[in-house]
PDB file of N, CA and C in Angstrom:
ATOM      1  N   MET A   1     277.937  73.040  66.442  1.00  0.00           N
ATOM      2  CA  MET A   1     277.180  74.246  66.847  1.00  0.00           C
ATOM      3  C   MET A   1     278.125  75.220  67.720  1.00  0.00           C
ATOM      4  N   LEU A   2     278.379  76.622  67.338  1.00  0.00           N
ATOM      5  CA  LEU A   2     279.206  77.394  67.918  1.00  0.00           C
ATOM      6  C   LEU A   2     278.277  78.365  68.859  1.00  0.00           C
ATOM      7  N   PHE A   3     278.263  78.580  70.066  1.00  0.00           N
ATOM      8  CA  PHE A   3     277.748  79.273  71.034  1.00  0.00           C
ATOM      9  C   PHE A   3     278.816  80.402  71.554  1.00  0.00           C
ATOM     10  N   TYR A   4     278.647  81.722  71.204  1.00  0.00           N
ATOM     11  CA  TYR A   4     279.593  82.433  71.671  1.00  0.00           C
ATOM     12  C   TYR A   4     278.959  83.882  72.560  1.00  0.00           C
ATOM     13  N   SER A   5     279.839  84.258  73.090  1.00  0.00           N
ATOM     14  CA  SER A   5     279.514  85.499  74.214  1.00  0.00           C
ATOM     15  C   SER A   5     280.646  86.324  74.061  1.00  0.00           C
ATOM     16  N   GLY A   6     280.340  87.715  74.061  1.00  0.00           N
ATOM     17  CA  GLY A   6     281.269  88.636  74.377  1.00  0.00           C
ATOM     18  C   GLY A   6     281.550  88.809  75.894  1.00  0.00           C
ATOM     19  N   ASP A   7     282.850  88.851  76.214  1.00  0.00           N
ATOM     20  CA  ASP A   7     283.129  88.640  77.593  1.00  0.00           C
ATOM     21  C   ASP A   7     282.884  90.096  78.631  1.00  0.00           C
ATOM     22  N   THR A   8     282.610  91.257  77.990  1.00  0.00           N
ATOM     23  CA  THR A   8     281.972  92.245  78.254  1.00  0.00           C
ATOM     24  C   THR A   8     280.584  92.566  78.604  1.00  0.00           C
ATOM     25  N   ASP A   9     279.908  91.608  77.945  1.00  0.00           N
ATOM     26  CA  ASP A   9     278.219  91.580  77.729  1.00  0.00           C
ATOM     27  C   ASP A   9     277.647  91.748  79.087  1.00  0.00           C
ATOM     28  N   GLY A  10     277.033  92.883  79.163  1.00  0.00           N
ATOM     29  CA  GLY A  10     276.143  93.074  80.417  1.00  0.00           C
ATOM     30  C   GLY A  10     274.769  92.746  80.526  1.00  0.00           C
ATOM     31  N   ALA A  11     274.082  92.360  79.107  1.00  0.00           N
ATOM     32  CA  ALA A  11     272.771  91.882  78.952  1.00  0.00           C
ATOM     33  C   ALA A  11     272.860  90.236  79.235  1.00  0.00           C
ATOM     34  N   VAL A  12     273.614  89.655  78.549  1.00  0.00           N
ATOM     35  CA  VAL A  12     273.784  88.228  78.723  1.00  0.00           C
ATOM     36  C   VAL A  12     275.201  87.763  78.979  1.00  0.00           C
ATOM     37  N   PRO A  13     275.287  87.905  80.458  1.00  0.00           N
ATOM     38  CA  PRO A  13     276.881  87.723  80.727  1.00  0.00           C
ATOM     39  C   PRO A  13     277.464  86.352  80.399  1.00  0.00           C
ATOM     40  N   THR A  14     278.840  86.143  80.341  1.00  0.00           N
ATOM     41  CA  THR A  14     279.188  84.992  79.807  1.00  0.00           C
ATOM     42  C   THR A  14     279.221  84.022  81.073  1.00  0.00           C
ATOM     43  N   PHE A  15     279.274  84.409  82.331  1.00  0.00           N
ATOM     44  CA  PHE A  15     278.932  83.326  83.344  1.00  0.00           C
ATOM     45  C   PHE A  15     277.463  82.863  83.410  1.00  0.00           C
ATOM     46  N   GLY A  16     276.808  83.412  82.981  1.00  0.00           N
ATOM     47  CA  GLY A  16     275.409  83.053  82.779  1.00  0.00           C
ATOM     48  C   GLY A  16     275.399  81.846  81.800  1.00  0.00           C
ATOM     49  N   SER A  17     275.904  82.135  80.619  1.00  0.00           N
ATOM     50  CA  SER A  17     275.750  81.117  79.440  1.00  0.00           C
ATOM     51  C   SER A  17     276.644  79.787  79.992  1.00  0.00           C
ATOM     52  N   MET A  18     277.630  80.115  80.651  1.00  0.00           N
ATOM     53  CA  MET A  18     278.216  78.949  81.135  1.00  0.00           C
ATOM     54  C   MET A  18     277.522  78.117  81.933  1.00  0.00           C
ATOM     55  N   GLN A  19     276.659  78.632  82.820  1.00  0.00           N
ATOM     56  CA  GLN A  19     275.937  77.821  83.918  1.00  0.00           C
ATOM     57  C   GLN A  19     274.905  77.219  82.973  1.00  0.00           C
ATOM     58  N   TRP A  20     274.231  77.871  81.913  1.00  0.00           N
ATOM     59  CA  TRP A  20     273.431  77.151  81.089  1.00  0.00           C
ATOM     60  C   TRP A  20     273.965  75.929  80.429  1.00  0.00           C
ATOM     61  N   ILE A  21     275.303  76.044  79.850  1.00  0.00           N
ATOM     62  CA  ILE A  21     275.679  75.117  79.220  1.00  0.00           C
ATOM     63  C   ILE A  21     276.032  73.777  80.065  1.00  0.00           C
ATOM     64  N   ALA A  22     276.619  74.143  81.269  1.00  0.00           N
ATOM     65  CA  ALA A  22     276.791  73.185  82.327  1.00  0.00           C
ATOM     66  C   ALA A  22     275.607  72.272  82.817  1.00  0.00           C
ATOM     67  N   LEU A  23     274.330  72.932  82.660  1.00  0.00           N
ATOM     68  CA  LEU A  23     273.137  72.269  82.912  1.00  0.00           C
ATOM     69  C   LEU A  23     272.696  71.189  81.896  1.00  0.00           C
ATOM     70  N   LEU A  24     273.163  71.419  80.857  1.00  0.00           N
ATOM     71  CA  LEU A  24     273.249  70.210  79.673  1.00  0.00           C
ATOM     72  C   LEU A  24     273.706  68.906  79.742  1.00  0.00           C
ATOM     73  N   GLY A  25     274.869  68.944  80.723  1.00  0.00           N
ATOM     74  CA  GLY A  25     275.670  67.640  81.205  1.00  0.00           C
ATOM     75  C   GLY A  25     276.253  67.065  80.332  1.00  0.00           C
ATOM     76  N   TRP A  26     276.857  67.814  79.202  1.00  0.00           N
ATOM     77  CA  TRP A  26     277.542  67.153  77.917  1.00  0.00           C
ATOM     78  C   TRP A  26     278.988  67.072  78.599  1.00  0.00           C
ATOM     79  N   ASP A  27     279.632  65.778  78.277  1.00  0.00           N
ATOM     80  CA  ASP A  27     281.306  65.731  78.354  1.00  0.00           C
ATOM     81  C   ASP A  27     281.962  66.735  77.777  1.00  0.00           C
ATOM     82  N   ILE A  28     283.098  67.248  78.427  1.00  0.00           N
ATOM     83  CA  ILE A  28     284.014  68.255  77.724  1.00  0.00           C
ATOM     84  C   ILE A  28     285.070  67.510  76.882  1.00  0.00           C
ATOM     85  N   ILE A  29     285.233  67.749  75.657  1.00  0.00           N
ATOM     86  CA  ILE A  29     286.136  67.161  74.754  1.00  0.00           C
ATOM     87  C   ILE A  29     287.341  67.981  75.044  1.00  0.00           C
ATOM     88  N   THR A  30     287.687  69.033  74.759  1.00  0.00           N
ATOM     89  CA  THR A  30     288.591  70.005  74.895  1.00  0.00           C
ATOM     90  C   THR A  30     288.381  70.881  75.955  1.00  0.00           C
ATOM     91  N   SER A  31     289.009  70.985  76.968  1.00  0.00           N
ATOM     92  CA  SER A  31     289.216  72.003  78.112  1.00  0.00           C
ATOM     93  C   SER A  31     289.038  73.297  77.628  1.00  0.00           C
ATOM     94  N   TRP A  32     288.815  74.253  78.429  1.00  0.00           N
ATOM     95  CA  TRP A  32     288.970  75.827  78.517  1.00  0.00           C
ATOM     96  C   TRP A  32     290.366  76.181  78.077  1.00  0.00           C
ATOM     97  N   GLY A  33     290.425  76.694  76.867  1.00  0.00           N
ATOM     98  CA  GLY A  33     291.944  77.482  76.541  1.00  0.00           C
ATOM     99  C   GLY A  33     291.693  78.537  75.586  1.00  0.00           C
ATOM    100  N   PRO A  34     292.559  79.436  75.271  1.00  0.00           N
ATOM    101  CA  PRO A  34     292.520  80.564  74.663  1.00  0.00           C
ATOM    102  C   PRO A  34     292.720  80.262  73.005  1.00  0.00           C
ATOM    103  N   TYR A  35     291.814  80.983  72.367  1.00  0.00           N
ATOM    104  CA  TYR A  35     292.354  81.150  70.923  1.00  0.00           C
ATOM    105  C   TYR A  35     292.988  82.516  70.179  1.00  0.00           C
ATOM    106  N   MET A  36     293.946  82.157  69.250  1.00  0.00           N
ATOM    107  CA  MET A  36     294.662  83.396  69.199  1.00  0.00           C
ATOM    108  C   MET A  36     294.168  83.856  67.744  1.00  0.00           C
ATOM    109  N   VAL A  37     294.100  85.540  67.820  1.00  0.00           N
ATOM    110  CA  VAL A  37     293.590  86.260  66.188  1.00  0.00           C
ATOM    111  C   VAL A  37     295.064  87.190  66.294  1.00  0.00           C
ATOM    112  N   ASP A  38     295.692  86.986  65.054  1.00  0.00           N
ATOM    113  CA  ASP A  38     296.713  87.926  65.021  1.00  0.00           C
ATOM    114  C   ASP A  38     298.021  88.012  66.034  1.00  0.00           C
ATOM    115  N   GLY A  39     298.253  87.113  66.658  1.00  0.00           N
ATOM    116  CA  GLY A  39     299.222  86.762  67.755  1.00  0.00           C
ATOM    117  C   GLY A  39     298.709  87.325  69.042  1.00  0.00           C
ATOM    118  N   GLN A  40     297.369  87.641  69.003  1.00  0.00           N
ATOM    119  CA  GLN A  40     296.755  87.997  70.408  1.00  0.00           C
ATOM    120  C   GLN A  40     295.518  86.980  70.942  1.00  0.00           C
ATOM    121  N   VAL A  41     295.457  86.974  72.015  1.00  0.00           N
ATOM    122  CA  VAL A  41     294.156  86.168  72.533  1.00  0.00           C
ATOM    123  C   VAL A  41     293.169  86.943  72.173  1.00  0.00           C
ATOM    124  N   GLY A  42     292.268  85.906  71.390  1.00  0.00           N
ATOM    125  CA  GLY A  42     290.701  86.647  70.853  1.00  0.00           C
ATOM    126  C   GLY A  42     289.948  86.108  71.645  1.00  0.00           C
ATOM    127  N   GLY A  43     289.957  85.367  72.564  1.00  0.00           N
ATOM    128  CA  GLY A  43     288.895  84.713  73.557  1.00  0.00           C
ATOM    129  C   GLY A  43     289.378  83.471  73.986  1.00  0.00           C
ATOM    130  N   TYR A  44     288.258  82.811  74.624  1.00  0.00           N
ATOM    131  CA  TYR A  44     288.540  81.479  75.014  1.00  0.00           C
ATOM    132  C   TYR A  44     287.460  80.378  74.796  1.00  0.00           C
ATOM    133  N   TYR A  45     287.698  79.124  74.480  1.00  0.00           N
ATOM    134  CA  TYR A  45     286.827  78.286  74.210  1.00  0.00           C
ATOM    135  C   TYR A  45     286.761  76.979  74.752  1.00  0.00           C
ATOM    136  N   GLU A  46     285.708  76.218  74.717  1.00  0.00           N
ATOM    137  CA  GLU A  46     285.570  74.834  75.309  1.00  0.00           C
ATOM    138  C   GLU A  46     284.667  74.139  74.225  1.00  0.00           C
ATOM    139  N   VAL A  47     285.242  72.708  73.869  1.00  0.00           N
ATOM    140  CA  VAL A  47     284.243  72.029  73.170  1.00  0.00           C
ATOM    141  C   VAL A  47     283.718  70.870  73.825  1.00  0.00           C
ATOM    142  N   TYR A  48     282.441  70.734  73.620  1.00  0.00           N
ATOM    143  CA  TYR A  48     281.841  69.228  74.405  1.00  0.00           C
ATOM    144  C   TYR A  48     281.423  68.585  73.488  1.00  0.00           C
ATOM    145  N   ASP A  49     281.070  67.430  73.985  1.00  0.00           N
ATOM    146  CA  ASP A  49     280.400  66.171  73.049  1.00  0.00           C
ATOM    147  C   ASP A  49     279.106  66.690  72.142  1.00  0.00           C
ATOM    148  N   GLY A  50     279.167  66.177  71.231  1.00  0.00           N
ATOM    149  CA  GLY A  50     277.917  66.422  70.265  1.00  0.00           C
ATOM    150  C   GLY A  50     278.195  67.663  69.314  1.00  0.00           C
ATOM    151  N   ASP A  51     279.568  67.891  69.041  1.00  0.00           N
ATOM    152  CA  ASP A  51     280.006  69.048  68.132  1.00  0.00           C
ATOM    153  C   ASP A  51     279.450  70.322  68.619  1.00  0.00           C
ATOM    154  N   PHE A  52     279.536  70.457  69.995  1.00  0.00           N
ATOM    155  CA  PHE A  52     279.055  71.948  70.583  1.00  0.00           C
ATOM    156  C   PHE A  52     280.291  72.716  71.190  1.00  0.00           C
ATOM    157  N   THR A  53     280.579  74.007  70.791  1.00  0.00           N
ATOM    158  CA  THR A  53     281.492  74.620  71.196  1.00  0.00           C
ATOM    159  C   THR A  53     281.322  76.198  71.603  1.00  0.00           C
ATOM    160  N   PHE A  54     281.670  76.572  72.834  1.00  0.00           N
ATOM    161  CA  PHE A  54     281.586  77.796  73.456  1.00  0.00           C
ATOM    162  C   PHE A  54     282.672  78.369  73.320  1.00  0.00           C
ATOM    163  N   ALA A  55     282.531  79.662  72.974  1.00  0.00           N
ATOM    164  CA  ALA A  55     283.555  80.520  72.893  1.00  0.00           C
ATOM    165  C   ALA A  55     283.424  81.936  73.387  1.00  0.00           C
ATOM    166  N   THR A  56     284.346  82.627  74.064  1.00  0.00           N
ATOM    167  CA  THR A  56     284.118  84.077  74.265  1.00  0.00           C
ATOM    168  C   THR A  56     284.813  84.972  73.228  1.00  0.00           C
ATOM    169  N   VAL A  57     284.301  86.143  73.158  1.00  0.00           N
ATOM    170  CA  VAL A  57     285.028  87.254  72.443  1.00  0.00           C
ATOM    171  C   VAL A  57     285.580  88.132  72.991  1.00  0.00           C
ATOM    172  N   HIS A  58     286.851  88.344  73.205  1.00  0.00           N
ATOM    173  CA  HIS A  58     287.516  89.111  74.017  1.00  0.00           C
ATOM    174  C   HIS A  58     287.188  90.470  73.973  1.00  0.00           C
ATOM    175  N   GLY A  59     286.904  91.297  74.860  1.00  0.00           N
ATOM    176  CA  GLY A  59     286.546  92.742  74.580  1.00  0.00           C
ATOM    177  C   GLY A  59     285.291  93.251  74.113  1.00  0.00           C
ATOM    178  N   ALA A  60     284.526  92.178  73.721  1.00  0.00           N
ATOM    179  CA  ALA A  60     283.125  92.446  72.916  1.00  0.00           C
ATOM    180  C   ALA A  60     281.973  92.342  73.992  1.00  0.00           C
ATOM    181  N   GLY A  61     281.080  93.368  73.708  1.00  0.00           N
ATOM    182  CA  GLY A  61     279.731  93.232  74.824  1.00  0.00           C
ATOM    183  C   GLY A  61     278.513  92.471  73.928  1.00  0.00           C
ATOM    184  N   HIS A  62     277.522  93.180  74.111  1.00  0.00           N
ATOM    185  CA  HIS A  62     276.278  92.383  73.434  1.00  0.00           C
ATOM    186  C   HIS A  62     276.321  92.140  71.946  1.00  0.00           C
ATOM    187  N   MET A  63     276.934  93.216  71.354  1.00  0.00           N
ATOM    188  CA  MET A  63     276.834  93.233  69.953  1.00  0.00           C
ATOM    189  C   MET A  63     278.065  92.738  69.323  1.00  0.00           C
ATOM    190  N   ALA A  64     278.604  91.499  69.883  1.00  0.00           N
ATOM    191  CA  ALA A  64     279.529  90.750  69.441  1.00  0.00           C
ATOM    192  C   ALA A  64     279.846  90.223  67.976  1.00  0.00           C
ATOM    193  N   PRO A  65     278.549  90.035  67.287  1.00  0.00           N
ATOM    194  CA  PRO A  65     278.610  89.832  65.812  1.00  0.00           C
ATOM    195  C   PRO A  65     279.087  90.802  65.047  1.00  0.00           C
TER     196      PRO A  65
END
């Protein structure tokens, strides 16, 4: 499952999403790191046990999709 958040989202801030995910208590498989899009940082992601990935979308707000 992919859960993502725009890093400028004022309605559902990335920090709040990260706190919620931490409460799940799942082990981290891949530590926080950048992903690239056309040679630029598109955001950051972290992979958790149970096929769960959290990612940010750099420069996106609440309408990230």
